[in-house]
Protein backbone atom coordinates (compact mmCIF):
# COMPACT_ATOMS: atom_id res chain seq x y z
CA MET A 1 -77.67 17.73 72.15
CA ASP A 2 -75.70 15.40 69.93
CA ASP A 3 -75.72 16.20 66.21
CA GLN A 4 -76.17 12.57 65.23
CA GLU A 5 -78.81 11.48 67.71
CA THR A 6 -81.03 14.02 69.40
CA VAL A 7 -83.45 11.45 70.77
CA SER A 8 -81.64 8.88 72.91
CA ASP A 9 -82.51 5.19 72.80
CA GLU A 10 -83.95 5.39 76.30
CA LEU A 11 -86.17 8.36 75.46
CA TRP A 12 -87.31 6.81 72.18
CA ALA A 13 -88.22 3.57 73.98
CA ARG A 14 -90.55 5.60 76.21
CA MET A 15 -91.98 7.72 73.37
CA GLU A 16 -92.45 5.10 70.65
CA PRO A 17 -95.64 3.57 72.15
CA LEU A 18 -97.21 7.05 72.06
CA VAL A 19 -96.64 7.49 68.30
CA PRO A 20 -99.72 6.38 66.35
CA ARG A 21 -99.25 3.61 63.78
CA LYS A 22 -99.79 4.64 60.18
CA PRO A 23 -101.86 2.35 57.96
CA ARG A 24 -100.19 1.06 54.82
CA ARG A 25 -100.88 3.21 51.77
CA PHE A 26 -101.84 1.17 48.75
CA ASP A 27 -102.20 4.19 46.43
CA HIS A 28 -98.38 4.79 46.50
CA PRO A 29 -96.82 1.35 47.05
CA VAL A 30 -93.25 2.41 46.18
CA ARG A 31 -93.12 5.49 48.40
CA ARG A 32 -91.79 4.57 51.84
CA PRO A 33 -92.83 6.59 54.89
CA VAL A 34 -90.19 8.55 56.79
CA ASP A 35 -89.00 6.91 59.99
CA ASP A 36 -90.80 8.49 62.97
CA ARG A 37 -87.63 8.80 65.00
CA ALA A 38 -85.81 10.50 62.11
CA ALA A 39 -88.69 12.94 61.68
CA LEU A 40 -88.66 13.78 65.39
CA ASN A 41 -84.88 14.27 65.29
CA GLY A 42 -85.31 16.67 62.37
CA ILE A 43 -88.00 18.68 64.13
CA LEU A 44 -85.95 18.93 67.32
CA TRP A 45 -82.84 19.92 65.34
CA VAL A 46 -84.75 22.80 63.73
CA LEU A 47 -86.07 23.95 67.12
CA VAL A 48 -82.74 23.65 68.97
CA ASN A 49 -80.74 25.41 66.23
CA ASP A 50 -83.35 28.13 65.72
CA VAL A 51 -83.59 27.43 61.98
CA PRO A 52 -86.58 29.09 60.26
CA TRP A 53 -89.04 26.75 58.57
């Protein structure tokens, strides 16, 4: 797996419709949510590299 991009564009195009949409949070308007693709890449990196949580 590539260090920069674990989830390919083709795979992400197939997976993105399955990711639930998050409602906008009005209690923390400045805090931006983490990109779903970046979060998935991070999770897969931890699993592939056998890094302990």
